[in-house]
Amino acid sequence: MTPRTGPQVVIGVGNRWRGDDGAGPELARRLRRLDLPPELSVLERDGDPASLLDAFDGADRALVADCVASGSAPGTLHRFEPADGPLPAELFRSSTHLLGLAEAIELARELGRLPRELVVYGIEGESFGPGQGLTPAVSSAVVRLASRISDGLGDGGAGDGRRAPSGAGA
């Protein structure tokens, strides 16, 4: 993310009752414990497209974190910039809703409701079964991503992350 000029939002997407799918909400909880700038909101969402569209409202910049399943090593961080093209929908299929994160972002794009700048982090999951708690690799990735985000707040950034090419997991 580039230098801040307006409201920013970090959205942790997921379901804490489905193992590693709780990575996004855990990231949001960790960030809320920090001394954050007033123009930064940190939200938890379950992936429902309407709630994501509402979370984007008024934001100049947004960072979204969700768990993915691409076949990479658990805990791998994937970085996407939807301005470069659609998210690879097959990676963001852990949602309990009919539409996943990729479809929600495309809906926001079609409705003209995307923030000016959007970065999506996919945290490679390992276990998506019923139950609470993250696997060690995913928990470690959440800590790394929270650190990148908090370190990047001075310049509006979110660290470099590992960028996945459009249409493929990295």
N, C-alpha and C. Protein backbone atom coordinates (compact mmCIF):
# COMPACT_ATOMS: atom_id res chain seq x y z
N MET A 1 0.85 -1.17 0.00
CA MET A 1 0.00 0.00 0.00
C MET A 1 0.90 1.24 0.00
N THR A 2 0.46 2.25 -0.67
CA THR A 2 1.24 3.47 -0.80
C THR A 2 0.91 4.44 0.33
N PRO A 3 1.59 5.58 0.41
CA PRO A 3 1.35 6.51 1.51
C PRO A 3 -0.13 6.85 1.68
N ARG A 4 -0.50 6.99 2.94
CA ARG A 4 -1.90 7.22 3.29
C ARG A 4 -2.35 8.62 2.92
N THR A 5 -3.58 8.70 2.46
CA THR A 5 -4.19 10.00 2.24
C THR A 5 -5.63 10.01 2.71
N GLY A 6 -6.19 8.88 3.03
CA GLY A 6 -7.58 8.81 3.45
C GLY A 6 -7.81 7.62 4.36
N PRO A 7 -9.08 7.37 4.68
CA PRO A 7 -9.41 6.25 5.57
C PRO A 7 -8.92 4.91 5.02
N GLN A 8 -8.45 4.08 5.94
CA GLN A 8 -7.97 2.74 5.58
C GLN A 8 -8.70 1.72 6.43
N VAL A 9 -8.83 0.52 5.89
CA VAL A 9 -9.46 -0.56 6.64
C VAL A 9 -8.67 -1.85 6.41
N VAL A 10 -8.51 -2.60 7.50
CA VAL A 10 -7.97 -3.95 7.42
C VAL A 10 -9.13 -4.86 7.78
N ILE A 11 -9.40 -5.84 6.93
CA ILE A 11 -10.53 -6.75 7.14
C ILE A 11 -10.00 -8.17 7.23
N GLY A 12 -10.22 -8.80 8.38
CA GLY A 12 -9.87 -10.20 8.57
C GLY A 12 -11.10 -11.05 8.28
N VAL A 13 -11.02 -11.88 7.24
CA VAL A 13 -12.16 -12.68 6.80
C VAL A 13 -11.97 -14.13 7.24
N GLY A 14 -13.04 -14.75 7.72
CA GLY A 14 -12.96 -16.16 8.06
C GLY A 14 -13.94 -16.57 9.13
N ASN A 15 -13.81 -17.83 9.52
CA ASN A 15 -14.69 -18.44 10.52
C ASN A 15 -13.81 -19.11 11.57
N ARG A 16 -13.77 -18.54 12.76
CA ARG A 16 -12.88 -19.07 13.80
C ARG A 16 -13.30 -20.45 14.29
N TRP A 17 -14.46 -20.94 13.88
CA TRP A 17 -14.92 -22.27 14.28
C TRP A 17 -14.56 -23.33 13.25
N ARG A 18 -13.73 -22.97 12.26
CA ARG A 18 -13.30 -23.92 11.23
C ARG A 18 -11.78 -23.93 11.11
N GLY A 19 -11.11 -24.17 12.22
CA GLY A 19 -9.66 -24.32 12.21
C GLY A 19 -8.94 -23.12 11.64
N ASP A 20 -8.09 -23.38 10.64
CA ASP A 20 -7.26 -22.32 10.06
C ASP A 20 -8.06 -21.24 9.34
N ASP A 21 -9.33 -21.51 9.04
CA ASP A 21 -10.15 -20.47 8.42
C ASP A 21 -10.31 -19.27 9.36
N GLY A 22 -9.96 -19.44 10.62
CA GLY A 22 -10.00 -18.34 11.58
C GLY A 22 -8.79 -17.43 11.52
N ALA A 23 -7.90 -17.61 10.56
CA ALA A 23 -6.68 -16.79 10.47
C ALA A 23 -7.00 -15.31 10.28
N GLY A 24 -7.93 -14.98 9.41
CA GLY A 24 -8.28 -13.58 9.17
C GLY A 24 -8.79 -12.88 10.43
N PRO A 25 -9.79 -13.48 11.10
CA PRO A 25 -10.26 -12.87 12.35
C PRO A 25 -9.17 -12.78 13.42
N GLU A 26 -8.29 -13.77 13.50
CA GLU A 26 -7.20 -13.71 14.47
C GLU A 26 -6.25 -12.55 14.14
N LEU A 27 -5.98 -12.33 12.87
CA LEU A 27 -5.16 -11.19 12.47
C LEU A 27 -5.82 -9.89 12.93
N ALA A 28 -7.12 -9.76 12.72
CA ALA A 28 -7.83 -8.55 13.14
C ALA A 28 -7.72 -8.36 14.65
N ARG A 29 -7.90 -9.43 15.42
CA ARG A 29 -7.80 -9.31 16.88
C ARG A 29 -6.40 -8.87 17.31
N ARG A 30 -5.38 -9.41 16.68
CA ARG A 30 -4.00 -9.01 17.01
C ARG A 30 -3.75 -7.54 16.70
N LEU A 31 -4.22 -7.10 15.55
CA LEU A 31 -4.01 -5.70 15.17
C LEU A 31 -4.75 -4.74 16.09
N ARG A 32 -5.93 -5.13 16.56
CA ARG A 32 -6.69 -4.25 17.45
C ARG A 32 -5.98 -4.01 18.78
N ARG A 33 -5.08 -4.89 19.15
CA ARG A 33 -4.33 -4.71 20.41
C ARG A 33 -3.24 -3.66 20.29
N LEU A 34 -2.96 -3.20 19.07
CA LEU A 34 -1.89 -2.23 18.84
C LEU A 34 -2.42 -0.81 18.91
N ASP A 35 -1.51 0.13 19.06
CA ASP A 35 -1.85 1.55 19.03
C ASP A 35 -1.90 1.96 17.56
N LEU A 36 -3.10 1.97 16.99
CA LEU A 36 -3.26 2.22 15.56
C LEU A 36 -3.66 3.66 15.29
N PRO A 37 -3.32 4.16 14.11
CA PRO A 37 -3.74 5.52 13.75
C PRO A 37 -5.27 5.60 13.66
N PRO A 38 -5.84 6.76 13.97
CA PRO A 38 -7.31 6.88 13.98
C PRO A 38 -7.95 6.66 12.61
N GLU A 39 -7.22 6.87 11.53
CA GLU A 39 -7.82 6.68 10.20
C GLU A 39 -7.82 5.21 9.76
N LEU A 40 -7.33 4.31 10.62
CA LEU A 40 -7.29 2.88 10.30
C LEU A 40 -8.34 2.14 11.11
N SER A 41 -9.25 1.48 10.41
CA SER A 41 -10.25 0.62 11.05
C SER A 41 -9.83 -0.83 10.85
N VAL A 42 -10.08 -1.65 11.86
CA VAL A 42 -9.79 -3.08 11.76
C VAL A 42 -11.10 -3.82 12.02
N LEU A 43 -11.51 -4.64 11.06
CA LEU A 43 -12.80 -5.32 11.12
C LEU A 43 -12.63 -6.82 10.94
N GLU A 44 -13.58 -7.57 11.48
CA GLU A 44 -13.69 -9.01 11.23
C GLU A 44 -14.95 -9.23 10.41
N ARG A 45 -14.85 -10.07 9.40
CA ARG A 45 -16.01 -10.41 8.58
C ARG A 45 -15.99 -11.91 8.31
N ASP A 46 -17.20 -12.45 8.12
CA ASP A 46 -17.30 -13.89 7.87
C ASP A 46 -17.24 -14.24 6.39
N GLY A 47 -17.09 -13.26 5.53
CA GLY A 47 -16.98 -13.52 4.10
C GLY A 47 -18.25 -13.24 3.34
N ASP A 48 -19.34 -12.93 4.03
CA ASP A 48 -20.58 -12.60 3.35
C ASP A 48 -20.34 -11.39 2.45
N PRO A 49 -20.64 -11.50 1.16
CA PRO A 49 -20.35 -10.40 0.23
C PRO A 49 -20.94 -9.06 0.66
N ALA A 50 -22.16 -9.04 1.16
CA ALA A 50 -22.77 -7.77 1.57
C ALA A 50 -21.99 -7.12 2.69
N SER A 51 -21.50 -7.92 3.64
CA SER A 51 -20.74 -7.33 4.75
C SER A 51 -19.39 -6.81 4.27
N LEU A 52 -18.80 -7.45 3.27
CA LEU A 52 -17.53 -6.95 2.71
C LEU A 52 -17.75 -5.64 1.96
N LEU A 53 -18.82 -5.56 1.19
CA LEU A 53 -19.12 -4.31 0.48
C LEU A 53 -19.31 -3.18 1.48
N ASP A 54 -20.03 -3.45 2.55
CA ASP A 54 -20.22 -2.43 3.59
C ASP A 54 -18.90 -2.03 4.22
N ALA A 55 -18.01 -2.99 4.43
CA ALA A 55 -16.71 -2.70 5.05
C ALA A 55 -15.85 -1.82 4.14
N PHE A 56 -16.01 -1.93 2.83
CA PHE A 56 -15.25 -1.10 1.90
C PHE A 56 -15.74 0.34 1.86
N ASP A 57 -17.00 0.58 2.24
CA ASP A 57 -17.59 1.92 2.13
C ASP A 57 -16.76 2.96 2.86
N GLY A 58 -16.40 4.00 2.16
CA GLY A 58 -15.67 5.11 2.74
C GLY A 58 -14.17 4.91 2.84
N ALA A 59 -13.69 3.71 2.52
CA ALA A 59 -12.25 3.43 2.63
C ALA A 59 -11.53 3.84 1.35
N ASP A 60 -10.43 4.54 1.53
CA ASP A 60 -9.57 4.88 0.41
C ASP A 60 -8.67 3.70 0.06
N ARG A 61 -8.26 2.99 1.11
CA ARG A 61 -7.39 1.81 0.95
C ARG A 61 -7.92 0.69 1.84
N ALA A 62 -7.77 -0.54 1.36
CA ALA A 62 -8.20 -1.69 2.14
C ALA A 62 -7.19 -2.82 1.99
N LEU A 63 -7.00 -3.53 3.08
CA LEU A 63 -6.21 -4.75 3.10
C LEU A 63 -7.13 -5.83 3.63
N VAL A 64 -7.25 -6.92 2.90
CA VAL A 64 -8.11 -8.03 3.29
C VAL A 64 -7.23 -9.25 3.48
N ALA A 65 -7.46 -9.99 4.56
CA ALA A 65 -6.72 -11.23 4.81
C ALA A 65 -7.71 -12.37 4.99
N ASP A 66 -7.46 -13.47 4.30
CA ASP A 66 -8.32 -14.65 4.36
C ASP A 66 -7.43 -15.87 4.22
N CYS A 67 -7.94 -17.01 4.64
CA CYS A 67 -7.21 -18.26 4.51
C CYS A 67 -7.44 -18.82 3.10
N VAL A 68 -6.43 -19.45 2.53
CA VAL A 68 -6.54 -20.03 1.19
C VAL A 68 -6.05 -21.48 1.21
N ALA A 69 -6.40 -22.19 0.15
CA ALA A 69 -5.94 -23.56 -0.04
C ALA A 69 -5.45 -23.70 -1.48
N SER A 70 -4.14 -23.51 -1.68
CA SER A 70 -3.57 -23.59 -3.03
C SER A 70 -2.68 -24.81 -3.21
N GLY A 71 -2.36 -25.47 -2.11
CA GLY A 71 -1.42 -26.57 -2.17
C GLY A 71 -0.01 -26.18 -1.76
N SER A 72 0.20 -24.89 -1.50
CA SER A 72 1.51 -24.43 -1.00
C SER A 72 1.68 -24.88 0.44
N ALA A 73 2.87 -24.70 0.96
CA ALA A 73 3.14 -25.08 2.34
C ALA A 73 2.25 -24.27 3.29
N PRO A 74 1.69 -24.92 4.32
CA PRO A 74 0.88 -24.19 5.29
C PRO A 74 1.67 -23.02 5.88
N GLY A 75 0.98 -21.88 5.99
CA GLY A 75 1.61 -20.68 6.51
C GLY A 75 2.19 -19.77 5.45
N THR A 76 2.23 -20.22 4.19
CA THR A 76 2.71 -19.36 3.10
C THR A 76 1.78 -18.15 2.97
N LEU A 77 2.37 -16.98 2.80
CA LEU A 77 1.59 -15.76 2.58
C LEU A 77 1.58 -15.45 1.08
N HIS A 78 0.39 -15.32 0.54
CA HIS A 78 0.20 -14.95 -0.86
C HIS A 78 -0.32 -13.51 -0.89
N ARG A 79 0.22 -12.70 -1.76
CA ARG A 79 -0.22 -11.30 -1.86
C ARG A 79 -0.81 -11.06 -3.24
N PHE A 80 -1.99 -10.48 -3.27
CA PHE A 80 -2.69 -10.18 -4.52
C PHE A 80 -3.09 -8.72 -4.55
N GLU A 81 -3.07 -8.15 -5.72
CA GLU A 81 -3.60 -6.81 -5.92
C GLU A 81 -4.69 -6.92 -6.97
N PRO A 82 -5.95 -6.92 -6.55
CA PRO A 82 -7.06 -7.10 -7.49
C PRO A 82 -7.11 -6.07 -8.61
N ALA A 83 -6.42 -4.95 -8.48
CA ALA A 83 -6.36 -3.99 -9.59
C ALA A 83 -5.66 -4.61 -10.80
N ASP A 84 -4.81 -5.62 -10.55
CA ASP A 84 -4.09 -6.30 -11.62
C ASP A 84 -4.95 -7.34 -12.34
N GLY A 85 -6.12 -7.64 -11.79
CA GLY A 85 -7.01 -8.64 -12.36
C GLY A 85 -7.74 -9.38 -11.26
N PRO A 86 -8.71 -10.20 -11.63
CA PRO A 86 -9.50 -10.93 -10.63
C PRO A 86 -8.63 -11.85 -9.76
N LEU A 87 -9.08 -12.04 -8.53
CA LEU A 87 -8.43 -13.02 -7.65
C LEU A 87 -8.69 -14.41 -8.19
N PRO A 88 -7.76 -15.33 -8.00
CA PRO A 88 -8.01 -16.72 -8.38
C PRO A 88 -9.04 -17.34 -7.43
N ALA A 89 -10.29 -17.41 -7.87
CA ALA A 89 -11.40 -17.82 -7.02
C ALA A 89 -11.19 -19.20 -6.40
N GLU A 90 -10.48 -20.08 -7.10
CA GLU A 90 -10.30 -21.44 -6.58
C GLU A 90 -9.49 -21.47 -5.29
N LEU A 91 -8.72 -20.44 -4.99
CA LEU A 91 -7.93 -20.40 -3.75
C LEU A 91 -8.76 -19.99 -2.55
N PHE A 92 -9.81 -19.21 -2.79
CA PHE A 92 -10.60 -18.63 -1.70
C PHE A 92 -11.94 -19.35 -1.57
N ARG A 93 -11.90 -20.65 -1.45
CA ARG A 93 -13.12 -21.46 -1.41
C ARG A 93 -13.49 -21.96 -0.02
N SER A 94 -12.84 -21.46 1.01
CA SER A 94 -13.14 -21.98 2.35
C SER A 94 -14.37 -21.32 2.96
N SER A 95 -15.01 -20.39 2.25
CA SER A 95 -16.17 -19.69 2.76
C SER A 95 -17.34 -20.65 2.92
N THR A 96 -18.16 -20.41 3.95
CA THR A 96 -19.37 -21.18 4.12
C THR A 96 -20.52 -20.56 3.34
N HIS A 97 -20.26 -19.48 2.64
CA HIS A 97 -21.28 -18.81 1.83
C HIS A 97 -21.16 -19.27 0.39
N LEU A 98 -22.23 -19.07 -0.37
CA LEU A 98 -22.24 -19.46 -1.77
C LEU A 98 -21.17 -18.71 -2.56
N LEU A 99 -21.00 -17.44 -2.26
CA LEU A 99 -19.97 -16.63 -2.91
C LEU A 99 -18.78 -16.49 -1.99
N GLY A 100 -17.59 -16.59 -2.55
CA GLY A 100 -16.38 -16.43 -1.76
C GLY A 100 -15.82 -15.02 -1.87
N LEU A 101 -14.65 -14.82 -1.31
CA LEU A 101 -14.00 -13.51 -1.31
C LEU A 101 -13.75 -13.01 -2.73
N ALA A 102 -13.29 -13.87 -3.61
CA ALA A 102 -13.00 -13.45 -4.98
C ALA A 102 -14.26 -12.91 -5.66
N GLU A 103 -15.37 -13.61 -5.48
CA GLU A 103 -16.62 -13.16 -6.09
C GLU A 103 -17.12 -11.87 -5.45
N ALA A 104 -16.92 -11.73 -4.14
CA ALA A 104 -17.34 -10.50 -3.46
C ALA A 104 -16.55 -9.30 -3.99
N ILE A 105 -15.26 -9.49 -4.22
CA ILE A 105 -14.44 -8.39 -4.75
C ILE A 105 -14.86 -8.04 -6.17
N GLU A 106 -15.16 -9.05 -6.97
CA GLU A 106 -15.62 -8.76 -8.34
C GLU A 106 -16.97 -8.07 -8.34
N LEU A 107 -17.85 -8.44 -7.41
CA LEU A 107 -19.13 -7.75 -7.27
C LEU A 107 -18.90 -6.28 -6.90
N ALA A 108 -18.01 -6.04 -5.95
CA ALA A 108 -17.68 -4.66 -5.56
C ALA A 108 -17.12 -3.89 -6.74
N ARG A 109 -16.30 -4.54 -7.55
CA ARG A 109 -15.73 -3.88 -8.74
C ARG A 109 -16.86 -3.48 -9.70
N GLU A 110 -17.77 -4.41 -9.96
CA GLU A 110 -18.88 -4.14 -10.89
C GLU A 110 -19.79 -3.03 -10.39
N LEU A 111 -19.95 -2.94 -9.07
CA LEU A 111 -20.82 -1.92 -8.48
C LEU A 111 -20.10 -0.60 -8.22
N GLY A 112 -18.81 -0.55 -8.54
CA GLY A 112 -18.04 0.67 -8.31
C GLY A 112 -17.79 0.94 -6.84
N ARG A 113 -17.68 -0.12 -6.02
CA ARG A 113 -17.52 0.04 -4.58
C ARG A 113 -16.17 -0.44 -4.05
N LEU A 114 -15.22 -0.68 -4.94
CA LEU A 114 -13.88 -1.05 -4.48
C LEU A 114 -13.16 0.19 -3.96
N PRO A 115 -12.36 0.03 -2.90
CA PRO A 115 -11.49 1.14 -2.49
C PRO A 115 -10.51 1.47 -3.62
N ARG A 116 -9.95 2.66 -3.57
CA ARG A 116 -8.98 3.08 -4.59
C ARG A 116 -7.81 2.10 -4.66
N GLU A 117 -7.40 1.61 -3.51
CA GLU A 117 -6.30 0.64 -3.45
C GLU A 117 -6.73 -0.53 -2.59
N LEU A 118 -6.52 -1.74 -3.10
CA LEU A 118 -6.91 -2.96 -2.40
C LEU A 118 -5.78 -3.97 -2.50
N VAL A 119 -5.39 -4.52 -1.36
CA VAL A 119 -4.41 -5.60 -1.29
C VAL A 119 -5.07 -6.75 -0.55
N VAL A 120 -4.93 -7.96 -1.07
CA VAL A 120 -5.49 -9.15 -0.44
C VAL A 120 -4.34 -10.09 -0.10
N TYR A 121 -4.31 -10.51 1.16
CA TYR A 121 -3.36 -11.53 1.58
C TYR A 121 -4.11 -12.84 1.78
N GLY A 122 -3.60 -13.89 1.17
CA GLY A 122 -4.10 -15.23 1.40
C GLY A 122 -3.09 -15.96 2.28
N ILE A 123 -3.56 -16.47 3.40
CA ILE A 123 -2.72 -17.22 4.33
C ILE A 123 -3.00 -18.70 4.07
N GLU A 124 -1.98 -19.41 3.61
CA GLU A 124 -2.16 -20.82 3.26
C GLU A 124 -2.55 -21.63 4.50
N GLY A 125 -3.72 -22.27 4.44
CA GLY A 125 -4.22 -23.06 5.55
C GLY A 125 -3.82 -24.52 5.46
N GLU A 126 -4.05 -25.21 6.55
CA GLU A 126 -3.74 -26.64 6.62
C GLU A 126 -4.97 -27.44 7.03
N SER A 127 -5.72 -26.94 8.01
CA SER A 127 -6.86 -27.66 8.56
C SER A 127 -8.09 -26.75 8.56
N PHE A 128 -9.17 -27.21 7.91
CA PHE A 128 -10.39 -26.41 7.82
C PHE A 128 -11.58 -27.12 8.47
N GLY A 129 -11.31 -28.17 9.24
CA GLY A 129 -12.39 -28.91 9.88
C GLY A 129 -12.98 -28.15 11.05
N PRO A 130 -14.08 -28.68 11.59
CA PRO A 130 -14.71 -28.03 12.74
C PRO A 130 -13.74 -27.96 13.91
N GLY A 131 -13.83 -26.88 14.63
CA GLY A 131 -12.98 -26.70 15.81
C GLY A 131 -12.32 -25.34 15.80
N GLN A 132 -11.93 -24.94 16.99
CA GLN A 132 -11.32 -23.63 17.16
C GLN A 132 -9.81 -23.77 17.29
N GLY A 133 -9.09 -22.77 16.82
CA GLY A 133 -7.65 -22.75 16.95
C GLY A 133 -6.95 -22.95 15.62
N LEU A 134 -5.80 -22.29 15.50
CA LEU A 134 -5.01 -22.35 14.28
C LEU A 134 -3.89 -23.37 14.42
N THR A 135 -3.50 -23.98 13.31
CA THR A 135 -2.33 -24.85 13.32
C THR A 135 -1.09 -23.97 13.54
N PRO A 136 0.01 -24.56 14.02
CA PRO A 136 1.21 -23.75 14.30
C PRO A 136 1.71 -22.94 13.11
N ALA A 137 1.73 -23.51 11.92
CA ALA A 137 2.24 -22.78 10.75
C ALA A 137 1.37 -21.58 10.42
N VAL A 138 0.07 -21.73 10.54
CA VAL A 138 -0.85 -20.63 10.23
C VAL A 138 -0.78 -19.57 11.32
N SER A 139 -0.68 -20.00 12.57
CA SER A 139 -0.54 -19.04 13.67
C SER A 139 0.72 -18.19 13.48
N SER A 140 1.81 -18.83 13.09
CA SER A 140 3.05 -18.11 12.83
C SER A 140 2.89 -17.12 11.67
N ALA A 141 2.17 -17.52 10.63
CA ALA A 141 1.94 -16.63 9.48
C ALA A 141 1.12 -15.42 9.89
N VAL A 142 0.15 -15.61 10.77
CA VAL A 142 -0.67 -14.49 11.26
C VAL A 142 0.22 -13.50 12.00
N VAL A 143 1.12 -14.00 12.84
CA VAL A 143 2.05 -13.13 13.57
C VAL A 143 2.93 -12.36 12.59
N ARG A 144 3.46 -13.04 11.57
CA ARG A 144 4.31 -12.37 10.57
C ARG A 144 3.54 -11.29 9.81
N LEU A 145 2.32 -11.61 9.42
CA LEU A 145 1.54 -10.64 8.66
C LEU A 145 1.15 -9.45 9.53
N ALA A 146 0.78 -9.69 10.77
CA ALA A 146 0.46 -8.58 11.68
C ALA A 146 1.66 -7.66 11.84
N SER A 147 2.84 -8.25 11.94
CA SER A 147 4.06 -7.45 12.06
C SER A 147 4.30 -6.63 10.79
N ARG A 148 4.13 -7.23 9.63
CA ARG A 148 4.31 -6.50 8.36
C ARG A 148 3.34 -5.33 8.26
N ILE A 149 2.11 -5.58 8.65
CA ILE A 149 1.10 -4.52 8.56
C ILE A 149 1.44 -3.40 9.53
N SER A 150 1.74 -3.75 10.78
CA SER A 150 2.04 -2.70 11.76
C SER A 150 3.33 -1.96 11.41
N ASP A 151 4.33 -2.67 10.88
CA ASP A 151 5.57 -2.01 10.46
C ASP A 151 5.34 -1.07 9.28
N GLY A 152 4.36 -1.39 8.44
CA GLY A 152 4.09 -0.58 7.27
C GLY A 152 3.15 0.58 7.50
N LEU A 153 2.64 0.73 8.72
CA LEU A 153 1.68 1.80 8.97
C LEU A 153 2.28 3.18 8.80
N GLY A 154 3.56 3.33 9.05
CA GLY A 154 4.18 4.64 8.90
C GLY A 154 4.15 5.15 7.47
N ASP A 155 4.20 4.22 6.50
CA ASP A 155 4.16 4.65 5.10
C ASP A 155 2.88 4.18 4.41
N GLY A 156 1.92 3.70 5.23
CA GLY A 156 0.66 3.23 4.66
C GLY A 156 0.78 1.84 4.07
N GLY A 157 1.93 1.18 4.26
CA GLY A 157 2.17 -0.09 3.60
C GLY A 157 1.75 -1.28 4.41
N ALA A 158 1.93 -2.43 3.80
CA ALA A 158 1.62 -3.69 4.44
C ALA A 158 2.75 -4.67 4.21
N GLY A 159 3.95 -4.18 4.11
CA GLY A 159 5.07 -5.08 3.85
C GLY A 159 5.03 -5.58 2.42
N ASP A 160 6.02 -6.38 2.08
CA ASP A 160 6.07 -6.83 0.71
C ASP A 160 5.28 -8.11 0.48
N GLY A 161 5.28 -9.03 1.42
CA GLY A 161 4.53 -10.27 1.24
C GLY A 161 5.01 -11.04 0.03
N ARG A 162 4.47 -12.18 -0.16
CA ARG A 162 4.81 -12.97 -1.33
C ARG A 162 3.68 -12.81 -2.32
N ARG A 163 3.98 -12.33 -3.48
CA ARG A 163 2.95 -12.01 -4.46
C ARG A 163 2.69 -13.20 -5.36
N ALA A 164 1.43 -13.55 -5.48
CA ALA A 164 1.05 -14.63 -6.37
C ALA A 164 0.62 -14.05 -7.71
N PRO A 165 1.07 -14.62 -8.80
CA PRO A 165 0.62 -14.12 -10.10
C PRO A 165 -0.87 -14.35 -10.25
N SER A 166 -1.53 -13.51 -11.00
CA SER A 166 -2.96 -13.64 -11.22
C SER A 166 -3.27 -15.02 -11.78
N GLY A 167 -4.24 -15.68 -11.12
CA GLY A 167 -4.65 -16.99 -11.60
C GLY A 167 -3.84 -18.15 -11.06
N ALA A 168 -2.89 -17.89 -10.17
CA ALA A 168 -2.07 -18.99 -9.64
C ALA A 168 -1.69 -18.72 -8.21
N GLY A 169 -1.54 -19.77 -7.44
CA GLY A 169 -1.06 -19.63 -6.08
C GLY A 169 0.45 -19.60 -6.07
N ALA A 170 1.01 -18.85 -5.15
CA ALA A 170 2.47 -18.79 -5.07
C ALA A 170 2.95 -19.31 -3.76
